[in-house]
């Protein structure tokens, strides 16, 4: 809105309004027109001032409301700042990064508070200026009209005063517009800052909630760790008590064993002394026995080779019929040579000595004493042998006890040192064992999933072969029935293939056949899209063959065979063609051992082998029938 510099320009502003009727151009008429015009302008400006005052009052109310809201926000931020100060001073879980972040937030909020305070001071200055303008306007309104005071003044002076008043009012209006624009901008800034502050406060509240949850989790973890530590301490104390108790028992047992060993060593020494004494006694007895034996041998020799003279005479007197030459021979026998007589005297002396030593009166008593002495000698020898065996056993026991004592010495006595390295190594071993256990459990789960998939596919294969020989039913596959179901399904498939091969070998129809190939096919290589006579239906995973099928192959690409699954090689019925069949079998690929998809050439070769074998079988049957 432009500012008018003169009354005509101000009047031109109201050109659209209806103009009053013109009067006669006389001096009194001109004075009346000017007076009416001045009254209209005063009413117009008074109305405008009333509108401006209403707008000013509205702005003042909005400013007061906004100031109240700002004071509430400042009070809330002050409370938050106090809360953050309390958190900072009270807890020790706040890290340095969080402190820096809080300092930055504090600095930003302080700058914002200073800016709002400055803006509030500006608003207060504007309010004061608006109040001053309102007061001047009220004073102007309450002042008496110029016509009542200066009714005789000239119209020019009143026009000039009105223009001056209009200029002042326009300047005041521009100032008020500026203040209003400033208030509007300030209001927008406050709204933006309020939205930003609310978002920041929400972020800070979320962060505080997150920190509170983390703190609660840390508290729970601390309690758990404390409980685990207490349990570990109790287990450690219990282990120490058990260890000390076991160690005391071991020390007691070791002491008892040492006492037994020492006692056994003493007994061993005593036995060794006794053994030495017994050995000496045995040697003495052996010497005595040897002497007695020698004397006995001498006595026996004397008894054999010499007889006393009295006995010879007593034996010779009853024979009265001895005469002549016989008497000479007897005398020669009785007399003997001097050497024999000397020997006999020595024997008799030894015999008397033996009888005197043994206190025997007759030879029979001497022999009895000799036998008793010989039996005692044998008994002493047996006793010596037994003592040697006991000595060997005691020596082995002493050696064993010495080894046990050496082992017990290696164990040591006393409190074992508590090593942190040993504890860390134990914890490391436990962690590695836990990791290996988890890996093993994961591998086990993977194998279980693979096994479940295998069971599912076996059930699918059983369902596909259920129409052939329905009397042979395949039960649901489980871990226990897997091998049985596989054998049953394999025999059904091979029997189906044999029946397909043994059918009439007439010309195969060239009509289009739909061969369903499962989506999990990994053995039959499908022909390329451009191959003649075959197309692949992508929607149904089926091969539509327009030409003749390969001889000896089934619709699912399985080569029939009359042999069981365990047999991996072909058996020829003819000896002359064995080499050819073996070469063909070597060139073929067995389905059970093949990991890659079979090609069409391999299927053809296998089918040719099967057909030749079937032809030979039929020839042999015909030959047998002809011979029969």
Foldseek 3Di string as FASTA:
>chain_A
DDADQFDVVVVVVVPVPDDDDQDDPDPVRVVVNLVVVVVVVVVVLVVVVVVLVVVLVVLVVVVVVVVVVVVVVVVVVVVVLVVVVCVVVPDDPQDPVNVVVVVVVVVVVVVVVVVVVVLVVVLVVLNVVVVVVVVVVVVVVPDDDPCVVCVPDDSVVVRVVVSVVSNVSVVVVVSSVVSVVSSVVVVVVSVVVVVVVVVVVVVVVVVVVVVVVVVVVVVVVVVVVVVVVVVVVVVVVVVVVVVVVVQVVVVVVLVVLVVVLVVLVVVLVVLVVVLVVLVVVLVVLVVVLVVLVVLVVLLVVLVVLHDDLVVLVVVVVVPPVDDDPRVVVSVCVSVDDPVNVVSNVVNVVSVVVLCVVQVHDDVVVSVVVSVVSVVVSVVSVVVSVVSVVVSVVSVVVSVVSVVVNVVVVVVDDDDDDDDVVVVVVVVVVVVVVVVVVVVVVVVVVVVVVVVVVVLVVLVVLQVVLCVQPVVDHQPRDDPVCPVVSVQVSQQSVLVVLVVVQPPDPDDDDQAKDKQAEDPPDFAADDDDCPDPQWHADVVRRIIIGRGDDAAQADSHRDHHDPDGPVDQFDDAPDPVCPVVLRVLRVPADGPVPDRGYDYPVNSNSSSVSVNVRVVVVVVVVVVVVVVD
